[in-house]
PDB file of N, CA and C in Angstrom:
ATOM      1  N   MET A   1     -40.129  57.416 122.428  1.00  0.00           N
ATOM      2  CA  MET A   1     -40.368  58.022 120.928  1.00  0.00           C
ATOM      3  C   MET A   1     -41.712  57.834 120.566  1.00  0.00           C
ATOM      4  N   ALA A   2     -42.661  58.420 121.333  1.00  0.00           N
ATOM      5  CA  ALA A   2     -43.738  58.264 121.161  1.00  0.00           C
ATOM      6  C   ALA A   2     -44.709  58.289 119.742  1.00  0.00           C
ATOM      7  N   ASP A   3     -44.166  59.620 119.162  1.00  0.00           N
ATOM      8  CA  ASP A   3     -44.765  59.861 117.587  1.00  0.00           C
ATOM      9  C   ASP A   3     -43.468  59.844 116.614  1.00  0.00           C
ATOM     10  N   GLU A   4     -43.594  58.567 115.907  1.00  0.00           N
ATOM     11  CA  GLU A   4     -42.679  58.919 114.827  1.00  0.00           C
ATOM     12  C   GLU A   4     -42.994  58.025 113.883  1.00  0.00           C
ATOM     13  N   SER A   5     -42.763  58.439 112.676  1.00  0.00           N
ATOM     14  CA  SER A   5     -43.007  57.792 111.233  1.00  0.00           C
ATOM     15  C   SER A   5     -41.767  57.230 110.498  1.00  0.00           C
ATOM     16  N   PRO A   6     -42.076  56.449 109.575  1.00  0.00           N
ATOM     17  CA  PRO A   6     -41.168  55.811 108.849  1.00  0.00           C
ATOM     18  C   PRO A   6     -40.005  56.692 108.249  1.00  0.00           C
ATOM     19  N   VAL A   7     -38.869  56.320 107.813  1.00  0.00           N
ATOM     20  CA  VAL A   7     -37.897  56.982 106.947  1.00  0.00           C
ATOM     21  C   VAL A   7     -38.556  57.199 105.572  1.00  0.00           C
ATOM     22  N   ARG A   8     -38.418  58.573 104.957  1.00  0.00           N
ATOM     23  CA  ARG A   8     -39.132  58.725 103.712  1.00  0.00           C
ATOM     24  C   ARG A   8     -38.036  59.569 102.889  1.00  0.00           C
ATOM     25  N   ASP A   9     -37.892  59.078 101.361  1.00  0.00           N
ATOM     26  CA  ASP A   9     -37.217  60.104 100.489  1.00  0.00           C
ATOM     27  C   ASP A   9     -38.087  61.049 100.244  1.00  0.00           C
ATOM     28  N   ASN A  10     -37.317  62.214 100.083  1.00  0.00           N
ATOM     29  CA  ASN A  10     -38.207  63.393  99.717  1.00  0.00           C
ATOM     30  C   ASN A  10     -37.384  64.221  98.643  1.00  0.00           C
ATOM     31  N   PRO A  11     -37.632  63.446  97.376  1.00  0.00           N
ATOM     32  CA  PRO A  11     -36.692  63.894  96.192  1.00  0.00           C
ATOM     33  C   PRO A  11     -37.052  65.187  95.832  1.00  0.00           C
ATOM     34  N   GLU A  12     -37.762  65.907  95.957  1.00  0.00           N
ATOM     35  CA  GLU A  12     -38.137  67.489  95.801  1.00  0.00           C
ATOM     36  C   GLU A  12     -37.617  68.104  96.659  1.00  0.00           C
ATOM     37  N   ARG A  13     -37.205  67.992  97.734  1.00  0.00           N
ATOM     38  CA  ARG A  13     -36.201  68.428  98.686  1.00  0.00           C
ATOM     39  C   ARG A  13     -34.549  67.823  98.963  1.00  0.00           C
ATOM     40  N   GLN A  14     -34.441  66.937  97.966  1.00  0.00           N
ATOM     41  CA  GLN A  14     -32.978  66.200  97.863  1.00  0.00           C
ATOM     42  C   GLN A  14     -32.538  65.799  99.577  1.00  0.00           C
ATOM     43  N   ARG A  15     -33.710  65.266  99.783  1.00  0.00           N
ATOM     44  CA  ARG A  15     -33.186  64.680 101.128  1.00  0.00           C
ATOM     45  C   ARG A  15     -34.207  63.716 101.679  1.00  0.00           C
ATOM     46  N   TYR A  16     -33.474  62.656 102.781  1.00  0.00           N
ATOM     47  CA  TYR A  16     -34.517  61.856 103.342  1.00  0.00           C
ATOM     48  C   TYR A  16     -34.992  62.308 104.831  1.00  0.00           C
ATOM     49  N   GLU A  17     -35.953  61.959 105.006  1.00  0.00           N
ATOM     50  CA  GLU A  17     -36.754  62.502 106.668  1.00  0.00           C
ATOM     51  C   GLU A  17     -37.346  61.719 107.269  1.00  0.00           C
ATOM     52  N   LEU A  18     -37.250  61.782 108.461  1.00  0.00           N
ATOM     53  CA  LEU A  18     -37.756  61.029 109.499  1.00  0.00           C
ATOM     54  C   LEU A  18     -38.755  62.190 110.488  1.00  0.00           C
ATOM     55  N   GLU A  19     -39.851  62.195 110.834  1.00  0.00           N
ATOM     56  CA  GLU A  19     -40.688  62.949 111.745  1.00  0.00           C
ATOM     57  C   GLU A  19     -40.752  62.057 112.854  1.00  0.00           C
ATOM     58  N   ALA A  20     -40.192  62.828 114.115  1.00  0.00           N
ATOM     59  CA  ALA A  20     -40.314  62.255 115.315  1.00  0.00           C
ATOM     60  C   ALA A  20     -40.737  63.445 116.306  1.00  0.00           C
ATOM     61  N   ASP A  21     -41.927  63.063 117.150  1.00  0.00           N
ATOM     62  CA  ASP A  21     -42.115  64.042 118.060  1.00  0.00           C
ATOM     63  C   ASP A  21     -42.365  65.553 117.661  1.00  0.00           C
ATOM     64  N   GLY A  22     -43.042  65.595 116.648  1.00  0.00           N
ATOM     65  CA  GLY A  22     -43.204  66.938 116.167  1.00  0.00           C
ATOM     66  C   GLY A  22     -41.944  67.738 115.686  1.00  0.00           C
ATOM     67  N   GLY A  23     -41.167  66.791 115.121  1.00  0.00           N
ATOM     68  CA  GLY A  23     -39.530  67.445 114.772  1.00  0.00           C
ATOM     69  C   GLY A  23     -39.266  66.871 113.674  1.00  0.00           C
ATOM     70  N   LEU A  24     -38.374  67.080 112.903  1.00  0.00           N
ATOM     71  CA  LEU A  24     -37.786  66.410 111.459  1.00  0.00           C
ATOM     72  C   LEU A  24     -36.356  66.416 111.758  1.00  0.00           C
ATOM     73  N   VAL A  25     -35.856  65.208 111.728  1.00  0.00           N
ATOM     74  CA  VAL A  25     -34.481  64.523 111.251  1.00  0.00           C
ATOM     75  C   VAL A  25     -34.490  64.586 109.864  1.00  0.00           C
ATOM     76  N   PHE A  26     -33.251  65.003 109.089  1.00  0.00           N
ATOM     77  CA  PHE A  26     -33.011  64.527 107.956  1.00  0.00           C
ATOM     78  C   PHE A  26     -31.673  65.003 107.529  1.00  0.00           C
ATOM     79  N   ALA A  27     -31.584  64.092 106.187  1.00  0.00           N
ATOM     80  CA  ALA A  27     -29.878  64.143 105.688  1.00  0.00           C
ATOM     81  C   ALA A  27     -30.058  64.359 104.127  1.00  0.00           C
ATOM     82  N   GLU A  28     -29.590  65.623 103.699  1.00  0.00           N
ATOM     83  CA  GLU A  28     -29.608  66.142 102.693  1.00  0.00           C
ATOM     84  C   GLU A  28     -28.706  65.269 101.493  1.00  0.00           C
ATOM     85  N   TYR A  29     -29.093  65.245 100.036  1.00  0.00           N
ATOM     86  CA  TYR A  29     -28.115  64.568  99.415  1.00  0.00           C
ATOM     87  C   TYR A  29     -28.201  65.279  98.104  1.00  0.00           C
ATOM     88  N   ARG A  30     -27.327  65.066  97.517  1.00  0.00           N
ATOM     89  CA  ARG A  30     -27.196  65.559  96.160  1.00  0.00           C
ATOM     90  C   ARG A  30     -27.021  64.157  94.844  1.00  0.00           C
ATOM     91  N   ARG A  31     -28.279  63.901  93.988  1.00  0.00           N
ATOM     92  CA  ARG A  31     -28.038  62.776  93.111  1.00  0.00           C
ATOM     93  C   ARG A  31     -26.989  63.070  91.795  1.00  0.00           C
ATOM     94  N   GLU A  32     -26.187  61.949  91.523  1.00  0.00           N
ATOM     95  CA  GLU A  32     -25.396  61.787  90.770  1.00  0.00           C
ATOM     96  C   GLU A  32     -25.404  60.531  90.108  1.00  0.00           C
ATOM     97  N   GLY A  33     -26.481  60.320  88.924  1.00  0.00           N
ATOM     98  CA  GLY A  33     -26.335  59.190  88.561  1.00  0.00           C
ATOM     99  C   GLY A  33     -27.130  58.049  89.235  1.00  0.00           C
ATOM    100  N   ASP A  34     -26.672  57.063  89.621  1.00  0.00           N
ATOM    101  CA  ASP A  34     -26.824  56.073  90.610  1.00  0.00           C
ATOM    102  C   ASP A  34     -26.412  56.284  91.770  1.00  0.00           C
ATOM    103  N   ARG A  35     -25.695  57.262  92.442  1.00  0.00           N
ATOM    104  CA  ARG A  35     -25.022  57.690  93.347  1.00  0.00           C
ATOM    105  C   ARG A  35     -25.660  58.926  94.304  1.00  0.00           C
ATOM    106  N   LEU A  36     -25.911  58.840  95.419  1.00  0.00           N
ATOM    107  CA  LEU A  36     -26.166  59.810  96.274  1.00  0.00           C
ATOM    108  C   LEU A  36     -25.363  60.288  97.073  1.00  0.00           C
ATOM    109  N   LEU A  37     -24.802  61.856  97.009  1.00  0.00           N
ATOM    110  CA  LEU A  37     -23.730  62.364  97.783  1.00  0.00           C
ATOM    111  C   LEU A  37     -24.586  62.930  98.964  1.00  0.00           C
ATOM    112  N   ILE A  38     -24.122  62.356  99.940  1.00  0.00           N
ATOM    113  CA  ILE A  38     -24.874  62.621 101.341  1.00  0.00           C
ATOM    114  C   ILE A  38     -23.916  63.815 101.864  1.00  0.00           C
ATOM    115  N   LEU A  39     -24.701  64.956 101.969  1.00  0.00           N
ATOM    116  CA  LEU A  39     -24.096  66.206 102.050  1.00  0.00           C
ATOM    117  C   LEU A  39     -23.933  66.496 103.718  1.00  0.00           C
ATOM    118  N   HIS A  40     -25.197  66.351 104.164  1.00  0.00           N
ATOM    119  CA  HIS A  40     -25.460  66.873 105.887  1.00  0.00           C
ATOM    120  C   HIS A  40     -26.816  66.236 106.453  1.00  0.00           C
ATOM    121  N   THR A  41     -26.306  65.952 107.886  1.00  0.00           N
ATOM    122  CA  THR A  41     -27.742  65.446 108.393  1.00  0.00           C
ATOM    123  C   THR A  41     -27.696  66.343 109.759  1.00  0.00           C
ATOM    124  N   GLU A  42     -29.042  66.414 109.893  1.00  0.00           N
ATOM    125  CA  GLU A  42     -29.220  67.413 110.976  1.00  0.00           C
ATOM    126  C   GLU A  42     -30.393  66.719 112.011  1.00  0.00           C
ATOM    127  N   THR A  43     -30.413  67.117 112.997  1.00  0.00           N
ATOM    128  CA  THR A  43     -31.315  66.697 114.091  1.00  0.00           C
ATOM    129  C   THR A  43     -31.280  67.866 114.968  1.00  0.00           C
ATOM    130  N   PRO A  44     -32.718  68.228 115.169  1.00  0.00           N
ATOM    131  CA  PRO A  44     -33.132  69.381 116.019  1.00  0.00           C
ATOM    132  C   PRO A  44     -32.825  68.758 117.434  1.00  0.00           C
ATOM    133  N   PRO A  45     -32.291  69.815 118.030  1.00  0.00           N
ATOM    134  CA  PRO A  45     -31.756  69.931 119.411  1.00  0.00           C
ATOM    135  C   PRO A  45     -32.525  69.070 120.503  1.00  0.00           C
ATOM    136  N   ALA A  46     -33.818  69.218 120.368  1.00  0.00           N
ATOM    137  CA  ALA A  46     -34.661  68.886 121.280  1.00  0.00           C
ATOM    138  C   ALA A  46     -34.882  67.238 121.107  1.00  0.00           C
ATOM    139  N   LEU A  47     -34.460  66.952 119.787  1.00  0.00           N
ATOM    140  CA  LEU A  47     -34.291  65.310 119.443  1.00  0.00           C
ATOM    141  C   LEU A  47     -32.911  64.738 119.462  1.00  0.00           C
ATOM    142  N   GLN A  48     -32.036  65.219 119.984  1.00  0.00           N
ATOM    143  CA  GLN A  48     -30.875  64.594 119.717  1.00  0.00           C
ATOM    144  C   GLN A  48     -30.354  63.857 121.084  1.00  0.00           C
ATOM    145  N   GLY A  49     -29.852  62.680 120.960  1.00  0.00           N
ATOM    146  CA  GLY A  49     -29.520  61.909 122.133  1.00  0.00           C
ATOM    147  C   GLY A  49     -30.463  60.544 122.203  1.00  0.00           C
ATOM    148  N   ARG A  50     -31.288  60.472 121.045  1.00  0.00           N
ATOM    149  CA  ARG A  50     -32.398  59.371 121.261  1.00  0.00           C
ATOM    150  C   ARG A  50     -32.208  58.517 119.872  1.00  0.00           C
ATOM    151  N   GLY A  51     -31.227  58.545 119.118  1.00  0.00           N
ATOM    152  CA  GLY A  51     -30.791  57.562 118.171  1.00  0.00           C
ATOM    153  C   GLY A  51     -31.631  57.418 117.234  1.00  0.00           C
ATOM    154  N   LEU A  52     -32.047  58.968 116.850  1.00  0.00           N
ATOM    155  CA  LEU A  52     -32.930  59.234 115.508  1.00  0.00           C
ATOM    156  C   LEU A  52     -32.305  59.355 114.302  1.00  0.00           C
ATOM    157  N   ALA A  53     -30.972  60.021 114.500  1.00  0.00           N
ATOM    158  CA  ALA A  53     -30.237  60.137 113.129  1.00  0.00           C
ATOM    159  C   ALA A  53     -29.895  58.783 112.747  1.00  0.00           C
ATOM    160  N   SER A  54     -29.346  58.086 113.549  1.00  0.00           N
ATOM    161  CA  SER A  54     -29.137  56.665 113.393  1.00  0.00           C
ATOM    162  C   SER A  54     -30.130  55.831 112.506  1.00  0.00           C
ATOM    163  N   LYS A  55     -31.386  56.009 113.468  1.00  0.00           N
ATOM    164  CA  LYS A  55     -32.604  55.142 112.588  1.00  0.00           C
ATOM    165  C   LYS A  55     -32.761  55.825 111.285  1.00  0.00           C
ATOM    166  N   LEU A  56     -32.680  57.275 111.256  1.00  0.00           N
ATOM    167  CA  LEU A  56     -32.741  58.041 109.784  1.00  0.00           C
ATOM    168  C   LEU A  56     -32.096  57.131 108.734  1.00  0.00           C
ATOM    169  N   VAL A  57     -30.465  57.029 109.022  1.00  0.00           N
ATOM    170  CA  VAL A  57     -29.657  56.431 108.243  1.00  0.00           C
ATOM    171  C   VAL A  57     -29.586  54.950 107.733  1.00  0.00           C
ATOM    172  N   ARG A  58     -30.140  53.986 108.843  1.00  0.00           N
ATOM    173  CA  ARG A  58     -30.585  52.700 108.328  1.00  0.00           C
ATOM    174  C   ARG A  58     -31.871  53.024 107.743  1.00  0.00           C
ATOM    175  N   GLY A  59     -32.759  53.649 107.697  1.00  0.00           N
ATOM    176  CA  GLY A  59     -33.972  53.523 106.754  1.00  0.00           C
ATOM    177  C   GLY A  59     -33.181  54.185 105.258  1.00  0.00           C
ATOM    178  N   MET A  60     -32.724  55.163 105.193  1.00  0.00           N
ATOM    179  CA  MET A  60     -32.301  55.338 104.025  1.00  0.00           C
ATOM    180  C   MET A  60     -31.230  54.230 103.073  1.00  0.00           C
ATOM    181  N   ILE A  61     -30.221  53.576 103.898  1.00  0.00           N
ATOM    182  CA  ILE A  61     -29.412  52.949 103.414  1.00  0.00           C
ATOM    183  C   ILE A  61     -30.513  51.620 103.203  1.00  0.00           C
ATOM    184  N   ALA A  62     -31.138  51.347 103.767  1.00  0.00           N
ATOM    185  CA  ALA A  62     -32.258  50.381 103.276  1.00  0.00           C
ATOM    186  C   ALA A  62     -32.868  50.782 102.021  1.00  0.00           C
ATOM    187  N   ASP A  63     -33.400  51.857 101.947  1.00  0.00           N
ATOM    188  CA  ASP A  63     -34.052  52.376 100.656  1.00  0.00           C
ATOM    189  C   ASP A  63     -32.884  52.562  99.434  1.00  0.00           C
ATOM    190  N   VAL A  64     -31.688  53.158  99.893  1.00  0.00           N
ATOM    191  CA  VAL A  64     -30.951  52.956  98.770  1.00  0.00           C
ATOM    192  C   VAL A  64     -30.424  51.549  98.440  1.00  0.00           C
ATOM    193  N   ARG A  65     -30.030  50.740  98.871  1.00  0.00           N
ATOM    194  CA  ARG A  65     -29.879  49.309  99.046  1.00  0.00           C
ATOM    195  C   ARG A  65     -30.924  48.672  97.733  1.00  0.00           C
ATOM    196  N   ALA A  66     -32.423  48.880  98.256  1.00  0.00           N
ATOM    197  CA  ALA A  66     -33.371  48.318  97.636  1.00  0.00           C
ATOM    198  C   ALA A  66     -33.457  48.889  95.934  1.00  0.00           C
ATOM    199  N   ARG A  67     -33.119  50.304  96.352  1.00  0.00           N
ATOM    200  CA  ARG A  67     -33.223  50.906  94.608  1.00  0.00           C
ATOM    201  C   ARG A  67     -32.184  50.574  93.668  1.00  0.00           C
ATOM    202  N   GLY A  68     -31.071  49.892  94.250  1.00  0.00           N
ATOM    203  CA  GLY A  68     -29.627  49.775  93.431  1.00  0.00           C
ATOM    204  C   GLY A  68     -28.957  50.832  93.755  1.00  0.00           C
ATOM    205  N   LEU A  69     -29.041  51.776  94.421  1.00  0.00           N
ATOM    206  CA  LEU A  69     -28.066  53.192  94.345  1.00  0.00           C
ATOM    207  C   LEU A  69     -26.941  52.600  95.239  1.00  0.00           C
ATOM    208  N   LYS A  70     -25.902  53.994  95.367  1.00  0.00           N
ATOM    209  CA  LYS A  70     -24.876  53.956  96.172  1.00  0.00           C
ATOM    210  C   LYS A  70     -24.927  55.054  96.974  1.00  0.00           C
ATOM    211  N   ILE A  71     -24.200  55.354  97.833  1.00  0.00           N
ATOM    212  CA  ILE A  71     -24.161  56.732  98.649  1.00  0.00           C
ATOM    213  C   ILE A  71     -22.792  56.703  98.729  1.00  0.00           C
ATOM    214  N   VAL A  72     -22.357  58.325  98.730  1.00  0.00           N
ATOM    215  CA  VAL A  72     -20.998  58.699  98.565  1.00  0.00           C
ATOM    216  C   VAL A  72     -21.134  59.528 100.226  1.00  0.00           C
ATOM    217  N   PRO A  73     -20.382  59.174 101.244  1.00  0.00           N
ATOM    218  CA  PRO A  73     -20.831  60.125 102.571  1.00  0.00           C
ATOM    219  C   PRO A  73     -19.901  61.190 102.599  1.00  0.00           C
ATOM    220  N   LEU A  74     -20.356  62.320 102.502  1.00  0.00           N
ATOM    221  CA  LEU A  74     -19.513  63.545 102.664  1.00  0.00           C
ATOM    222  C   LEU A  74     -19.815  64.018 103.962  1.00  0.00           C
ATOM    223  N   CYS A  75     -21.091  63.411 104.583  1.00  0.00           N
ATOM    224  CA  CYS A  75     -21.211  64.306 105.861  1.00  0.00           C
ATOM    225  C   CYS A  75     -20.628  63.483 106.913  1.00  0.00           C
ATOM    226  N   SER A  76     -19.946  64.164 108.043  1.00  0.00           N
ATOM    227  CA  SER A  76     -19.002  63.178 108.997  1.00  0.00           C
ATOM    228  C   SER A  76     -19.938  62.659 109.884  1.00  0.00           C
ATOM    229  N   PHE A  77     -21.505  62.840 110.055  1.00  0.00           N
ATOM    230  CA  PHE A  77     -22.333  61.949 110.735  1.00  0.00           C
ATOM    231  C   PHE A  77     -21.935  60.874 110.237  1.00  0.00           C
ATOM    232  N   ILE A  78     -22.310  60.566 108.849  1.00  0.00           N
ATOM    233  CA  ILE A  78     -22.618  59.279 107.972  1.00  0.00           C
ATOM    234  C   ILE A  78     -21.246  58.738 107.715  1.00  0.00           C
ATOM    235  N   VAL A  79     -20.365  59.185 107.614  1.00  0.00           N
ATOM    236  CA  VAL A  79     -18.864  58.619 107.846  1.00  0.00           C
ATOM    237  C   VAL A  79     -18.525  58.126 109.110  1.00  0.00           C
ATOM    238  N   ASP A  80     -18.770  58.728 110.188  1.00  0.00           N
ATOM    239  CA  ASP A  80     -18.848  57.955 111.243  1.00  0.00           C
ATOM    240  C   ASP A  80     -19.874  56.327 111.562  1.00  0.00           C
ATOM    241  N   TYR A  81     -20.965  56.882 111.130  1.00  0.00           N
ATOM    242  CA  TYR A  81     -21.832  55.863 111.308  1.00  0.00           C
ATOM    243  C   TYR A  81     -21.394  54.500 110.229  1.00  0.00           C
ATOM    244  N   LEU A  82     -20.888  54.675 109.377  1.00  0.00           N
ATOM    245  CA  LEU A  82     -20.262  53.716 108.342  1.00  0.00           C
ATOM    246  C   LEU A  82     -19.252  52.987 109.052  1.00  0.00           C
ATOM    247  N   ALA A  83     -18.383  53.738 109.688  1.00  0.00           N
ATOM    248  CA  ALA A  83     -17.424  53.432 110.463  1.00  0.00           C
ATOM    249  C   ALA A  83     -17.613  52.223 111.459  1.00  0.00           C
ATOM    250  N   ARG A  84     -18.824  52.766 112.151  1.00  0.00           N
ATOM    251  CA  ARG A  84     -19.243  51.616 112.963  1.00  0.00           C
ATOM    252  C   ARG A  84     -20.109  50.333 112.862  1.00  0.00           C
ATOM    253  N   HIS A  85     -20.614  50.562 111.598  1.00  0.00           N
ATOM    254  CA  HIS A  85     -21.522  49.527 110.806  1.00  0.00           C
ATOM    255  C   HIS A  85     -20.891  49.032 109.476  1.00  0.00           C
ATOM    256  N   PRO A  86     -19.591  48.554 109.557  1.00  0.00           N
ATOM    257  CA  PRO A  86     -19.033  48.104 108.195  1.00  0.00           C
ATOM    258  C   PRO A  86     -19.940  46.884 107.189  1.00  0.00           C
ATOM    259  N   GLU A  87     -20.896  46.437 107.810  1.00  0.00           N
ATOM    260  CA  GLU A  87     -21.663  45.654 107.263  1.00  0.00           C
ATOM    261  C   GLU A  87     -22.974  46.424 106.244  1.00  0.00           C
ATOM    262  N   ASP A  88     -22.600  47.829 106.041  1.00  0.00           N
ATOM    263  CA  ASP A  88     -23.266  48.360 105.306  1.00  0.00           C
ATOM    264  C   ASP A  88     -22.487  49.273 104.093  1.00  0.00           C
ATOM    265  N   GLY A  89     -21.221  48.521 104.254  1.00  0.00           N
ATOM    266  CA  GLY A  89     -20.062  48.971 103.031  1.00  0.00           C
ATOM    267  C   GLY A  89     -20.787  48.711 101.858  1.00  0.00           C
ATOM    268  N   ASP A  90     -21.511  47.888 101.559  1.00  0.00           N
ATOM    269  CA  ASP A  90     -22.280  47.644 100.002  1.00  0.00           C
ATOM    270  C   ASP A  90     -22.781  48.392  99.409  1.00  0.00           C
ATOM    271  N   VAL A  91     -23.282  49.458 100.123  1.00  0.00           N
ATOM    272  CA  VAL A  91     -23.703  50.661  99.355  1.00  0.00           C
ATOM    273  C   VAL A  91     -22.932  52.029  99.373  1.00  0.00           C
ATOM    274  N   VAL A  92     -21.750  52.086  99.550  1.00  0.00           N
ATOM    275  CA  VAL A  92     -21.039  53.055  99.728  1.00  0.00           C
ATOM    276  C   VAL A  92     -20.141  53.059  98.464  1.00  0.00           C
ATOM    277  N   ALA A  93     -19.907  54.104  97.570  1.00  0.00           N
ATOM    278  CA  ALA A  93     -19.142  54.344  96.566  1.00  0.00           C
ATOM    279  C   ALA A  93     -18.481  55.652  96.758  1.00  0.00           C
ATOM    280  N   THR A  94     -17.191  55.329  95.820  1.00  0.00           N
ATOM    281  CA  THR A  94     -16.157  56.675  96.133  1.00  0.00           C
ATOM    282  C   THR A  94     -16.921  57.539  95.241  1.00  0.00           C
ATOM    283  N   ARG A  95     -16.115  59.129  95.462  1.00  0.00           N
ATOM    284  CA  ARG A  95     -16.686  60.096  94.468  1.00  0.00           C
ATOM    285  C   ARG A  95     -15.307  60.201  93.549  1.00  0.00           C
ATOM    286  N   ASP A  96     -15.748  59.869  92.210  1.00  0.00           N
ATOM    287  CA  ASP A  96     -14.692  60.008  91.154  1.00  0.00           C
ATOM    288  C   ASP A  96     -14.625  61.494  90.937  1.00  0.00           C
TER     289      ASP A  96
END
């Protein structure tokens, strides 16, 4: 992973982003109060299989935790990630 930037929140586009090797990995969300509904995660085919989506999720969770927010995982990748990482359950909320 030669050219990789930190995970960043892009509130104008309602997504978390990670730039790597000229591509962009992202997770789209919709904010509802203190919760972010995570709708979709996307990794370009050329960047798949390198752990970048997991890195994006780790960065997103760290930011959410630091800001005192919660996530509602609606994206299957995020649901699967959280099943493998129960230590991050403190940032998960249910959708009312």
